[in-house]
């Protein structure tokens, strides 16, 4: 029903169990809680904070480091679990936000009020990447955790793949979509990633 919360306590428990899987070293409940804390901090800027919170809860619900379709599968899971709790257009927006985490580029959704949605999506994507602009020790711990999630990848392949991801972000005019996150996280994020490339032996 429309007046029920999008993410009620039973659904939180169900999703939390997924995030507690033993092979999750970074994409776990702590990551979700960190994003929810940022969503609370920036709540006044969100036009639909509840939808953003739903996207946060679901965006890494399916996570297999060997798979290429985690985001699409997580978006589909959100669609199934949230069906009947809100309208189709809102569900589509939540799914679009989740799917956008595959590239961290803004989703394109042309509909009435889409300006507010794009702003929410921008903030959501920036929350997901805030770790890039964390203090150096927190950033290093994040990188070590992601490496453990890709423990099956040999070191040369890991260095090449991770280096490509970092270089793609550094080549963008802005890593973060919103002014708020650029001011707060962008300089440190660029320093962290440049340092990481150097450690990988890939500094340009």
N, C-alpha and C. Protein backbone atom coordinates (compact mmCIF):
# COMPACT_ATOMS: atom_id res chain seq x y z
N UNK A 1 0.83 -1.20 0.00
CA UNK A 1 0.00 0.00 0.00
C UNK A 1 0.87 1.25 0.00
N UNK A 2 0.31 2.33 -0.52
CA UNK A 2 1.07 3.57 -0.68
C UNK A 2 1.59 4.11 0.65
N UNK A 3 0.82 3.92 1.75
CA UNK A 3 1.23 4.54 3.01
C UNK A 3 2.20 3.66 3.82
N UNK A 4 2.47 2.46 3.31
CA UNK A 4 3.45 1.61 3.98
C UNK A 4 4.86 2.08 3.60
N UNK A 5 5.83 1.88 4.50
CA UNK A 5 7.19 2.27 4.12
C UNK A 5 7.70 1.40 2.98
N UNK A 6 8.51 1.99 2.12
CA UNK A 6 9.08 1.22 1.01
C UNK A 6 9.94 0.08 1.54
N UNK A 7 10.76 0.39 2.51
CA UNK A 7 11.64 -0.63 3.11
C UNK A 7 11.23 -0.81 4.57
N UNK A 8 10.44 -1.83 4.83
CA UNK A 8 10.01 -2.07 6.21
C UNK A 8 11.03 -2.96 6.93
N UNK A 9 10.82 -3.19 8.19
CA UNK A 9 11.81 -3.94 8.99
C UNK A 9 12.04 -5.37 8.48
N UNK A 10 10.99 -6.12 8.12
CA UNK A 10 11.25 -7.47 7.59
C UNK A 10 12.11 -7.45 6.33
N UNK A 11 11.86 -6.48 5.44
CA UNK A 11 12.65 -6.39 4.21
C UNK A 11 14.09 -5.97 4.53
N UNK A 12 14.25 -5.06 5.49
CA UNK A 12 15.62 -4.70 5.91
C UNK A 12 16.38 -5.92 6.40
N UNK A 13 15.72 -6.75 7.20
CA UNK A 13 16.38 -7.96 7.72
C UNK A 13 16.75 -8.91 6.58
N UNK A 14 15.86 -9.05 5.62
CA UNK A 14 16.10 -9.94 4.47
C UNK A 14 17.31 -9.44 3.66
N UNK A 15 17.36 -8.13 3.41
CA UNK A 15 18.47 -7.57 2.63
C UNK A 15 19.76 -7.59 3.44
N UNK A 16 19.67 -7.29 4.73
CA UNK A 16 20.86 -7.31 5.57
C UNK A 16 21.53 -8.68 5.54
N UNK A 17 20.73 -9.74 5.47
CA UNK A 17 21.29 -11.09 5.42
C UNK A 17 22.12 -11.28 4.15
N UNK A 18 21.68 -10.70 3.04
CA UNK A 18 22.46 -10.79 1.79
C UNK A 18 23.80 -10.07 1.96
N UNK A 19 23.75 -8.90 2.58
CA UNK A 19 24.97 -8.09 2.74
C UNK A 19 25.94 -8.69 3.77
N UNK A 20 25.47 -9.64 4.55
CA UNK A 20 26.34 -10.27 5.55
C UNK A 20 27.03 -11.53 5.01
N UNK A 21 26.86 -11.82 3.73
CA UNK A 21 27.51 -13.01 3.16
C UNK A 21 29.02 -12.94 3.38
N UNK A 22 29.64 -14.10 3.59
CA UNK A 22 31.05 -14.14 3.98
C UNK A 22 32.00 -13.62 2.91
N UNK A 23 31.59 -13.65 1.65
CA UNK A 23 32.50 -13.21 0.58
C UNK A 23 32.41 -11.71 0.33
N UNK A 24 31.64 -11.01 1.15
CA UNK A 24 31.52 -9.56 0.99
C UNK A 24 32.46 -8.87 1.97
N UNK A 25 33.47 -8.25 1.45
CA UNK A 25 34.45 -7.58 2.30
C UNK A 25 34.28 -6.07 2.26
N UNK A 26 33.81 -5.54 1.12
CA UNK A 26 33.48 -4.10 1.05
C UNK A 26 31.99 -3.90 0.78
N UNK A 27 31.44 -4.63 -0.19
CA UNK A 27 30.04 -4.44 -0.57
C UNK A 27 29.12 -5.15 0.43
N UNK A 28 29.19 -4.66 1.66
CA UNK A 28 28.50 -5.31 2.77
C UNK A 28 27.60 -4.31 3.50
N UNK A 29 27.15 -4.71 4.67
CA UNK A 29 26.20 -3.88 5.40
C UNK A 29 26.82 -2.55 5.84
N UNK A 30 28.12 -2.55 6.11
CA UNK A 30 28.78 -1.30 6.51
C UNK A 30 28.73 -0.27 5.38
N UNK A 31 28.86 -0.73 4.14
CA UNK A 31 28.76 0.16 2.98
C UNK A 31 27.35 0.75 2.88
N UNK A 32 26.34 -0.08 3.08
CA UNK A 32 24.95 0.39 3.04
C UNK A 32 24.71 1.41 4.16
N UNK A 33 25.19 1.10 5.35
CA UNK A 33 24.99 2.02 6.48
C UNK A 33 25.70 3.35 6.26
N UNK A 34 26.88 3.31 5.64
CA UNK A 34 27.60 4.55 5.35
C UNK A 34 26.81 5.41 4.35
N UNK A 35 26.23 4.76 3.34
CA UNK A 35 25.42 5.50 2.37
C UNK A 35 24.14 6.04 3.00
N UNK A 36 23.51 5.24 3.85
CA UNK A 36 22.30 5.72 4.53
C UNK A 36 22.61 6.92 5.42
N UNK A 37 23.79 6.92 6.04
CA UNK A 37 24.19 8.06 6.86
C UNK A 37 24.34 9.31 6.00
N UNK A 38 24.94 9.16 4.82
CA UNK A 38 25.06 10.30 3.89
C UNK A 38 23.69 10.75 3.41
N UNK A 39 22.80 9.80 3.14
CA UNK A 39 21.45 10.15 2.71
C UNK A 39 20.74 10.96 3.79
N UNK A 40 20.98 10.61 5.05
CA UNK A 40 20.41 11.38 6.15
C UNK A 40 21.00 12.77 6.22
N UNK A 41 22.29 12.86 5.98
CA UNK A 41 22.99 14.14 6.03
C UNK A 41 22.50 15.10 4.95
N UNK A 42 22.22 14.55 3.78
CA UNK A 42 21.81 15.37 2.63
C UNK A 42 20.31 15.27 2.34
N UNK A 43 19.56 14.79 3.31
CA UNK A 43 18.13 14.53 3.12
C UNK A 43 17.38 15.76 2.60
N UNK A 44 17.74 16.94 3.08
CA UNK A 44 17.04 18.16 2.68
C UNK A 44 17.18 18.44 1.19
N UNK A 45 18.20 17.88 0.55
CA UNK A 45 18.42 18.11 -0.88
C UNK A 45 17.68 17.10 -1.75
N UNK A 46 17.15 16.04 -1.13
CA UNK A 46 16.50 14.96 -1.90
C UNK A 46 15.01 15.24 -2.07
N UNK A 47 14.51 15.08 -3.28
CA UNK A 47 13.08 15.28 -3.50
C UNK A 47 12.28 14.04 -3.08
N UNK A 48 12.90 12.86 -3.16
CA UNK A 48 12.23 11.62 -2.74
C UNK A 48 13.22 10.78 -1.91
N UNK A 49 13.48 11.21 -0.67
CA UNK A 49 14.50 10.51 0.13
C UNK A 49 14.20 9.04 0.35
N UNK A 50 12.93 8.69 0.43
CA UNK A 50 12.59 7.28 0.66
C UNK A 50 12.97 6.41 -0.54
N UNK A 51 12.79 6.96 -1.74
CA UNK A 51 13.18 6.21 -2.95
C UNK A 51 14.69 6.05 -3.00
N UNK A 52 15.42 7.09 -2.63
CA UNK A 52 16.88 7.02 -2.60
C UNK A 52 17.33 5.97 -1.58
N UNK A 53 16.69 5.96 -0.42
CA UNK A 53 17.03 4.95 0.60
C UNK A 53 16.75 3.54 0.08
N UNK A 54 15.67 3.38 -0.66
CA UNK A 54 15.37 2.06 -1.24
C UNK A 54 16.45 1.67 -2.24
N UNK A 55 16.88 2.61 -3.07
CA UNK A 55 17.94 2.33 -4.04
C UNK A 55 19.23 1.95 -3.32
N UNK A 56 19.52 2.63 -2.21
CA UNK A 56 20.72 2.29 -1.43
C UNK A 56 20.62 0.85 -0.93
N UNK A 57 19.50 0.51 -0.36
CA UNK A 57 19.34 -0.85 0.21
C UNK A 57 19.50 -1.93 -0.85
N UNK A 58 19.03 -1.67 -2.07
CA UNK A 58 19.01 -2.71 -3.09
C UNK A 58 20.22 -2.69 -4.03
N UNK A 59 21.01 -1.60 -4.09
CA UNK A 59 21.91 -1.44 -5.22
C UNK A 59 23.01 -2.49 -5.30
N UNK A 60 23.42 -3.07 -4.18
CA UNK A 60 24.40 -4.16 -4.19
C UNK A 60 23.81 -5.45 -3.62
N UNK A 61 22.49 -5.56 -3.65
CA UNK A 61 21.85 -6.75 -3.05
C UNK A 61 22.35 -8.02 -3.73
N UNK A 62 22.51 -7.98 -5.04
CA UNK A 62 23.11 -9.09 -5.78
C UNK A 62 24.54 -8.68 -6.07
N UNK A 63 25.51 -9.42 -5.55
CA UNK A 63 26.90 -9.07 -5.78
C UNK A 63 27.74 -10.32 -5.92
N UNK A 64 28.18 -10.56 -7.16
CA UNK A 64 29.07 -11.67 -7.47
C UNK A 64 30.21 -11.07 -8.29
N UNK A 65 31.42 -11.08 -7.73
CA UNK A 65 32.53 -10.40 -8.41
C UNK A 65 32.86 -11.03 -9.77
N UNK A 66 32.36 -12.24 -10.03
CA UNK A 66 32.61 -12.88 -11.33
C UNK A 66 31.56 -12.51 -12.37
N UNK A 67 30.48 -11.85 -11.93
CA UNK A 67 29.36 -11.57 -12.83
C UNK A 67 29.43 -10.15 -13.40
N UNK A 68 28.76 -9.95 -14.52
CA UNK A 68 28.73 -8.63 -15.17
C UNK A 68 27.36 -7.97 -15.07
N UNK A 69 26.40 -8.67 -14.46
CA UNK A 69 25.02 -8.16 -14.48
C UNK A 69 24.47 -7.93 -13.08
N UNK A 70 25.36 -7.69 -12.11
CA UNK A 70 24.89 -7.51 -10.73
C UNK A 70 23.89 -6.36 -10.60
N UNK A 71 24.18 -5.24 -11.26
CA UNK A 71 23.31 -4.07 -11.13
C UNK A 71 21.93 -4.35 -11.71
N UNK A 72 21.90 -4.96 -12.88
CA UNK A 72 20.60 -5.28 -13.51
C UNK A 72 19.81 -6.26 -12.65
N UNK A 73 20.50 -7.25 -12.08
CA UNK A 73 19.81 -8.23 -11.24
C UNK A 73 19.34 -7.60 -9.92
N UNK A 74 20.14 -6.68 -9.38
CA UNK A 74 19.72 -5.98 -8.16
C UNK A 74 18.50 -5.10 -8.43
N UNK A 75 18.50 -4.43 -9.59
CA UNK A 75 17.35 -3.60 -9.97
C UNK A 75 16.10 -4.45 -10.14
N UNK A 76 16.27 -5.62 -10.75
CA UNK A 76 15.12 -6.52 -10.94
C UNK A 76 14.60 -7.02 -9.60
N UNK A 77 15.51 -7.32 -8.67
CA UNK A 77 15.09 -7.76 -7.33
C UNK A 77 14.29 -6.65 -6.64
N UNK A 78 14.75 -5.42 -6.77
CA UNK A 78 14.01 -4.29 -6.18
C UNK A 78 12.61 -4.21 -6.77
N UNK A 79 12.52 -4.38 -8.08
CA UNK A 79 11.20 -4.34 -8.72
C UNK A 79 10.26 -5.39 -8.17
N UNK A 80 10.80 -6.60 -7.94
CA UNK A 80 9.95 -7.68 -7.41
C UNK A 80 9.56 -7.43 -5.96
N UNK A 81 10.54 -7.05 -5.15
CA UNK A 81 10.30 -6.90 -3.71
C UNK A 81 9.45 -5.68 -3.38
N UNK A 82 9.54 -4.63 -4.21
CA UNK A 82 8.82 -3.39 -3.91
C UNK A 82 7.50 -3.29 -4.66
N UNK A 83 7.21 -4.26 -5.51
CA UNK A 83 5.95 -4.24 -6.26
C UNK A 83 4.78 -4.19 -5.28
N UNK A 84 3.83 -3.32 -5.53
CA UNK A 84 2.66 -3.20 -4.66
C UNK A 84 2.86 -2.22 -3.53
N UNK A 85 4.11 -1.79 -3.30
CA UNK A 85 4.37 -0.84 -2.22
C UNK A 85 4.34 0.60 -2.71
N UNK A 86 4.47 0.78 -4.03
CA UNK A 86 4.46 2.13 -4.59
C UNK A 86 4.10 2.03 -6.07
N UNK A 87 4.00 3.17 -6.75
CA UNK A 87 3.57 3.19 -8.14
C UNK A 87 4.66 2.75 -9.11
N UNK A 88 4.23 2.44 -10.34
CA UNK A 88 5.16 1.92 -11.35
C UNK A 88 6.24 2.94 -11.71
N UNK A 89 5.88 4.21 -11.79
CA UNK A 89 6.88 5.22 -12.19
C UNK A 89 7.97 5.35 -11.13
N UNK A 90 7.57 5.31 -9.87
CA UNK A 90 8.56 5.41 -8.79
C UNK A 90 9.45 4.18 -8.77
N UNK A 91 8.88 3.01 -9.00
CA UNK A 91 9.67 1.78 -9.08
C UNK A 91 10.68 1.87 -10.22
N UNK A 92 10.24 2.45 -11.35
CA UNK A 92 11.14 2.59 -12.50
C UNK A 92 12.32 3.49 -12.15
N UNK A 93 12.05 4.53 -11.39
CA UNK A 93 13.12 5.46 -11.00
C UNK A 93 14.11 4.79 -10.05
N UNK A 94 13.59 4.02 -9.11
CA UNK A 94 14.48 3.30 -8.18
C UNK A 94 15.36 2.33 -8.97
N UNK A 95 14.74 1.60 -9.90
CA UNK A 95 15.51 0.65 -10.72
C UNK A 95 16.55 1.38 -11.57
N UNK A 96 16.20 2.55 -12.10
CA UNK A 96 17.14 3.31 -12.92
C UNK A 96 18.34 3.77 -12.11
N UNK A 97 18.10 4.17 -10.86
CA UNK A 97 19.22 4.57 -10.00
C UNK A 97 20.16 3.39 -9.74
N UNK A 98 19.58 2.24 -9.43
CA UNK A 98 20.38 1.05 -9.16
C UNK A 98 21.19 0.66 -10.39
N UNK A 99 20.55 0.64 -11.55
CA UNK A 99 21.23 0.26 -12.79
C UNK A 99 22.36 1.22 -13.12
N UNK A 100 22.21 2.49 -12.75
CA UNK A 100 23.22 3.51 -13.06
C UNK A 100 24.53 3.27 -12.32
N UNK A 101 24.51 2.46 -11.25
CA UNK A 101 25.76 2.20 -10.53
C UNK A 101 26.71 1.32 -11.34
N UNK A 102 26.25 0.78 -12.46
CA UNK A 102 27.14 0.00 -13.33
C UNK A 102 28.21 0.88 -13.96
N UNK A 103 27.84 2.12 -14.30
CA UNK A 103 28.78 3.05 -14.96
C UNK A 103 29.02 4.32 -14.15
N UNK A 104 28.17 4.57 -13.17
CA UNK A 104 28.17 5.83 -12.41
C UNK A 104 27.98 7.04 -13.30
N UNK A 105 27.23 6.83 -14.38
CA UNK A 105 26.78 7.95 -15.21
C UNK A 105 25.30 8.14 -14.95
N UNK A 106 24.85 9.39 -15.06
CA UNK A 106 23.46 9.70 -14.72
C UNK A 106 22.50 8.95 -15.64
N UNK A 107 21.42 8.41 -15.08
CA UNK A 107 20.42 7.73 -15.92
C UNK A 107 19.67 8.75 -16.77
N UNK A 108 19.18 8.30 -17.91
CA UNK A 108 18.35 9.19 -18.73
C UNK A 108 16.91 8.71 -18.59
N UNK A 109 16.08 9.55 -18.02
CA UNK A 109 14.67 9.21 -17.82
C UNK A 109 13.88 10.48 -18.11
N UNK A 110 13.22 10.51 -19.23
CA UNK A 110 12.46 11.69 -19.63
C UNK A 110 11.00 11.51 -19.23
N UNK A 111 10.61 12.26 -18.22
CA UNK A 111 9.22 12.22 -17.78
C UNK A 111 8.97 13.46 -16.93
N UNK A 112 7.69 13.78 -16.66
CA UNK A 112 7.42 14.95 -15.81
C UNK A 112 8.13 14.82 -14.46
N UNK A 113 8.78 15.89 -14.05
CA UNK A 113 9.49 15.86 -12.78
C UNK A 113 10.82 15.15 -12.83
N UNK A 114 11.31 14.86 -14.06
CA UNK A 114 12.56 14.10 -14.15
C UNK A 114 13.76 14.91 -13.67
N UNK A 115 13.64 16.23 -13.65
CA UNK A 115 14.73 17.06 -13.13
C UNK A 115 15.01 16.73 -11.68
N UNK A 116 13.96 16.62 -10.87
CA UNK A 116 14.12 16.24 -9.46
C UNK A 116 14.72 14.85 -9.33
N UNK A 117 14.27 13.94 -10.20
CA UNK A 117 14.79 12.57 -10.15
C UNK A 117 16.28 12.54 -10.48
N UNK A 118 16.69 13.28 -11.52
CA UNK A 118 18.10 13.29 -11.92
C UNK A 118 18.96 13.85 -10.79
N UNK A 119 18.44 14.87 -10.10
CA UNK A 119 19.18 15.44 -8.96
C UNK A 119 19.32 14.37 -7.86
N UNK A 120 18.24 13.64 -7.58
CA UNK A 120 18.31 12.57 -6.58
C UNK A 120 19.30 11.48 -7.01
N UNK A 121 19.24 11.13 -8.30
CA UNK A 121 20.15 10.09 -8.81
C UNK A 121 21.60 10.54 -8.71
N UNK A 122 21.86 11.82 -8.97
CA UNK A 122 23.22 12.36 -8.88
C UNK A 122 23.74 12.25 -7.45
N UNK A 123 22.92 12.62 -6.49
CA UNK A 123 23.32 12.53 -5.09
C UNK A 123 23.52 11.07 -4.67
N UNK A 124 22.64 10.19 -5.11
CA UNK A 124 22.75 8.76 -4.80
C UNK A 124 24.07 8.19 -5.34
N UNK A 125 24.40 8.49 -6.59
CA UNK A 125 25.63 7.97 -7.18
C UNK A 125 26.85 8.54 -6.47
N UNK A 126 26.78 9.81 -6.07
CA UNK A 126 27.89 10.41 -5.34
C UNK A 126 28.07 9.78 -3.96
N UNK A 127 26.97 9.44 -3.32
CA UNK A 127 27.06 8.75 -2.03
C UNK A 127 27.78 7.40 -2.19
N UNK A 128 27.49 6.71 -3.29
CA UNK A 128 28.10 5.41 -3.52
C UNK A 128 29.61 5.53 -3.72
N UNK A 129 30.06 6.66 -4.28
CA UNK A 129 31.49 6.85 -4.56
C UNK A 129 32.21 7.66 -3.48
N UNK A 130 31.51 8.04 -2.43
CA UNK A 130 32.13 8.91 -1.41
C UNK A 130 33.40 8.28 -0.83
N UNK A 131 33.47 6.96 -0.79
CA UNK A 131 34.65 6.28 -0.24
C UNK A 131 35.91 6.68 -1.00
N UNK A 132 35.78 7.04 -2.27
CA UNK A 132 36.96 7.43 -3.05
C UNK A 132 37.62 8.67 -2.47
N UNK A 133 36.81 9.52 -1.82
CA UNK A 133 37.33 10.75 -1.23
C UNK A 133 37.52 10.66 0.27
N UNK A 134 37.56 9.44 0.78
CA UNK A 134 37.77 9.25 2.22
C UNK A 134 39.22 9.54 2.60
N UNK A 135 39.48 9.62 3.89
CA UNK A 135 40.85 9.77 4.37
C UNK A 135 41.70 8.61 3.84
N UNK A 136 42.99 8.85 3.61
CA UNK A 136 43.84 7.82 2.98
C UNK A 136 43.77 6.44 3.62
N UNK A 137 43.74 6.36 4.95
CA UNK A 137 43.71 5.03 5.58
C UNK A 137 42.39 4.32 5.30
N UNK A 138 41.27 5.06 5.29
CA UNK A 138 39.97 4.46 4.98
C UNK A 138 39.91 4.03 3.51
N UNK A 139 40.47 4.85 2.63
CA UNK A 139 40.51 4.51 1.20
C UNK A 139 41.35 3.24 0.99
N UNK A 140 42.49 3.16 1.68
CA UNK A 140 43.35 1.98 1.54
C UNK A 140 42.64 0.72 2.03
N UNK A 141 41.90 0.84 3.13
CA UNK A 141 41.15 -0.31 3.66
C UNK A 141 40.07 -0.74 2.66
N UNK A 142 39.42 0.24 2.03
CA UNK A 142 38.42 -0.06 0.99
C UNK A 142 39.06 -0.82 -0.16
N UNK A 143 40.20 -0.36 -0.64
CA UNK A 143 40.86 -1.02 -1.77
C UNK A 143 41.26 -2.45 -1.40
N UNK A 144 41.76 -2.64 -0.17
CA UNK A 144 42.15 -3.99 0.27
C UNK A 144 40.93 -4.90 0.34
N UNK A 145 39.80 -4.34 0.78
CA UNK A 145 38.56 -5.13 0.88
C UNK A 145 38.06 -5.53 -0.50
N UNK A 146 38.11 -4.61 -1.45
CA UNK A 146 37.69 -4.94 -2.82
C UNK A 146 38.63 -6.00 -3.41
N UNK A 147 39.92 -5.87 -3.14
CA UNK A 147 40.87 -6.87 -3.65
C UNK A 147 40.52 -8.26 -3.12
N UNK A 148 40.10 -8.34 -1.86
CA UNK A 148 39.70 -9.64 -1.29
C UNK A 148 38.46 -10.18 -1.99
N UNK A 149 37.55 -9.30 -2.38
CA UNK A 149 36.36 -9.75 -3.12
C UNK A 149 36.73 -10.31 -4.48
N UNK A 150 37.85 -9.85 -5.01
CA UNK A 150 38.36 -10.35 -6.30
C UNK A 150 39.57 -11.25 -6.09
N UNK A 151 39.57 -11.98 -4.99
CA UNK A 151 40.69 -12.85 -4.66
C UNK A 151 40.98 -13.90 -5.72
N UNK A 152 39.99 -14.23 -6.53
CA UNK A 152 40.17 -15.24 -7.58
C UNK A 152 40.93 -14.70 -8.79
N UNK A 153 41.12 -13.38 -8.85
CA UNK A 153 41.81 -12.76 -9.99
C UNK A 153 43.31 -12.70 -9.70
N UNK A 154 44.15 -13.14 -10.66
CA UNK A 154 45.59 -13.11 -10.40
C UNK A 154 46.09 -11.66 -10.40
N UNK A 155 47.26 -11.45 -9.81
CA UNK A 155 47.73 -10.09 -9.56
C UNK A 155 47.91 -9.25 -10.83
N UNK A 156 48.54 -9.77 -11.90
CA UNK A 156 48.67 -8.93 -13.10
C UNK A 156 47.31 -8.50 -13.67
N UNK A 157 46.35 -9.43 -13.68
CA UNK A 157 45.03 -9.11 -14.20
C UNK A 157 44.33 -8.09 -13.29
N UNK A 158 44.49 -8.26 -11.98
CA UNK A 158 43.90 -7.31 -11.03
C UNK A 158 44.47 -5.91 -11.26
N UNK A 159 45.78 -5.81 -11.37
CA UNK A 159 46.41 -4.50 -11.55
C UNK A 159 45.92 -3.82 -12.82
N UNK A 160 45.81 -4.59 -13.90
CA UNK A 160 45.34 -4.02 -15.16
C UNK A 160 43.89 -3.56 -15.05
N UNK A 161 43.04 -4.41 -14.47
CA UNK A 161 41.62 -4.09 -14.35
C UNK A 161 41.36 -2.93 -13.42
N UNK A 162 42.00 -2.98 -12.25
CA UNK A 162 41.82 -1.90 -11.27
C UNK A 162 42.38 -0.59 -11.82
N UNK A 163 43.52 -0.69 -12.48
CA UNK A 163 44.12 0.51 -13.06
C UNK A 163 43.20 1.15 -14.10
N UNK A 164 42.56 0.32 -14.91
CA UNK A 164 41.65 0.84 -15.93
C UNK A 164 40.47 1.58 -15.29
N UNK A 165 39.93 1.02 -14.20
CA UNK A 165 38.81 1.67 -13.50
C UNK A 165 39.25 3.03 -12.95
N UNK A 166 40.39 3.06 -12.29
CA UNK A 166 40.88 4.30 -11.69
C UNK A 166 41.15 5.35 -12.76
N UNK A 167 41.76 4.95 -13.85
CA UNK A 167 42.08 5.90 -14.92
C UNK A 167 40.82 6.45 -15.57
N UNK A 168 39.79 5.61 -15.67
CA UNK A 168 38.52 6.09 -16.24
C UNK A 168 37.92 7.18 -15.38
N UNK A 169 37.92 6.97 -14.06
CA UNK A 169 37.39 8.00 -13.16
C UNK A 169 38.24 9.27 -13.20
N UNK A 170 39.56 9.11 -13.19
CA UNK A 170 40.44 10.28 -13.17
C UNK A 170 40.35 11.08 -14.46
N UNK A 171 39.98 10.42 -15.56
CA UNK A 171 39.88 11.11 -16.85
C UNK A 171 38.60 11.95 -16.96
N UNK A 172 37.65 11.71 -16.09
CA UNK A 172 36.42 12.49 -16.14
C UNK A 172 36.68 13.92 -15.67
N UNK A 173 35.93 14.89 -16.25
CA UNK A 173 36.08 16.27 -15.77
C UNK A 173 35.78 16.38 -14.28
N UNK A 174 34.79 15.60 -13.82
CA UNK A 174 34.44 15.54 -12.41
C UNK A 174 34.14 14.09 -12.05
N UNK A 175 34.66 13.64 -10.91
CA UNK A 175 34.33 12.29 -10.42
C UNK A 175 32.91 12.29 -9.86
N UNK A 176 32.55 13.39 -9.16
CA UNK A 176 31.24 13.49 -8.51
C UNK A 176 30.31 14.38 -9.35
N UNK A 177 29.04 14.04 -9.30
CA UNK A 177 28.06 14.76 -10.12
C UNK A 177 27.59 16.07 -9.50
N UNK A 178 27.58 16.15 -8.18
CA UNK A 178 27.00 17.31 -7.51
C UNK A 178 28.09 18.22 -6.94
N UNK A 179 27.75 19.50 -6.87
CA UNK A 179 28.68 20.49 -6.33
C UNK A 179 29.04 20.16 -4.89
N UNK A 180 28.03 19.71 -4.13
CA UNK A 180 28.24 19.41 -2.71
C UNK A 180 29.33 18.36 -2.52
N UNK A 181 29.25 17.28 -3.30
CA UNK A 181 30.22 16.19 -3.15
C UNK A 181 31.56 16.54 -3.78
N UNK A 182 31.53 17.33 -4.86
CA UNK A 182 32.81 17.77 -5.45
C UNK A 182 33.62 18.57 -4.43
N UNK A 183 32.96 19.49 -3.78
CA UNK A 183 33.66 20.34 -2.82
C UNK A 183 34.19 19.51 -1.65
N UNK A 184 33.42 18.54 -1.23
CA UNK A 184 33.77 17.78 -0.03
C UNK A 184 34.77 16.65 -0.31
N UNK A 185 34.66 15.99 -1.47
CA UNK A 185 35.40 14.75 -1.69
C UNK A 185 36.33 14.74 -2.90
N UNK A 186 36.11 15.60 -3.89
CA UNK A 186 36.85 15.47 -5.15
C UNK A 186 38.37 15.59 -5.01
N UNK A 187 38.90 16.63 -4.33
CA UNK A 187 40.37 16.73 -4.26
C UNK A 187 41.02 15.50 -3.62
N UNK A 188 40.45 15.03 -2.51
CA UNK A 188 41.01 13.84 -1.84
C UNK A 188 40.86 12.60 -2.70
N UNK A 189 39.73 12.49 -3.41
CA UNK A 189 39.51 11.33 -4.28
C UNK A 189 40.59 11.26 -5.35
N UNK A 190 40.91 12.38 -5.95
CA UNK A 190 41.94 12.39 -7.00
C UNK A 190 43.31 12.04 -6.42
N UNK A 191 43.60 12.54 -5.24
CA UNK A 191 44.86 12.19 -4.58
C UNK A 191 44.93 10.70 -4.28
N UNK A 192 43.83 10.16 -3.73
CA UNK A 192 43.79 8.73 -3.38
C UNK A 192 44.00 7.85 -4.61
N UNK A 193 43.31 8.17 -5.69
CA UNK A 193 43.38 7.31 -6.86
C UNK A 193 44.72 7.44 -7.57
N UNK A 194 45.29 8.63 -7.58
CA UNK A 194 46.63 8.79 -8.17
C UNK A 194 47.65 7.97 -7.37
N UNK A 195 47.51 8.00 -6.05
CA UNK A 195 48.39 7.23 -5.18
C UNK A 195 48.21 5.73 -5.42
N UNK A 196 46.96 5.32 -5.63
CA UNK A 196 46.68 3.91 -5.88
C UNK A 196 47.30 3.45 -7.20
N UNK A 197 47.19 4.28 -8.23
CA UNK A 197 47.80 3.95 -9.52
C UNK A 197 49.31 3.79 -9.38
N UNK A 198 49.89 4.66 -8.59
CA UNK A 198 51.35 4.58 -8.36
C UNK A 198 51.70 3.26 -7.67
N UNK A 199 50.89 2.88 -6.68
CA UNK A 199 51.13 1.63 -5.96
C UNK A 199 50.97 0.41 -6.87
N UNK A 200 50.09 0.54 -7.86
CA UNK A 200 49.87 -0.55 -8.82
C UNK A 200 50.96 -0.58 -9.90
N UNK A 201 51.85 0.42 -9.87
CA UNK A 201 52.89 0.53 -10.88
C UNK A 201 52.38 1.05 -12.20
N UNK A 202 51.25 1.81 -12.13
CA UNK A 202 50.60 2.29 -13.35
C UNK A 202 50.49 3.80 -13.40
N UNK A 203 51.27 4.50 -12.59
CA UNK A 203 51.19 5.97 -12.59
C UNK A 203 51.56 6.49 -13.96
N UNK A 204 50.76 7.46 -14.44
CA UNK A 204 51.01 7.99 -15.78
C UNK A 204 52.10 9.06 -15.74
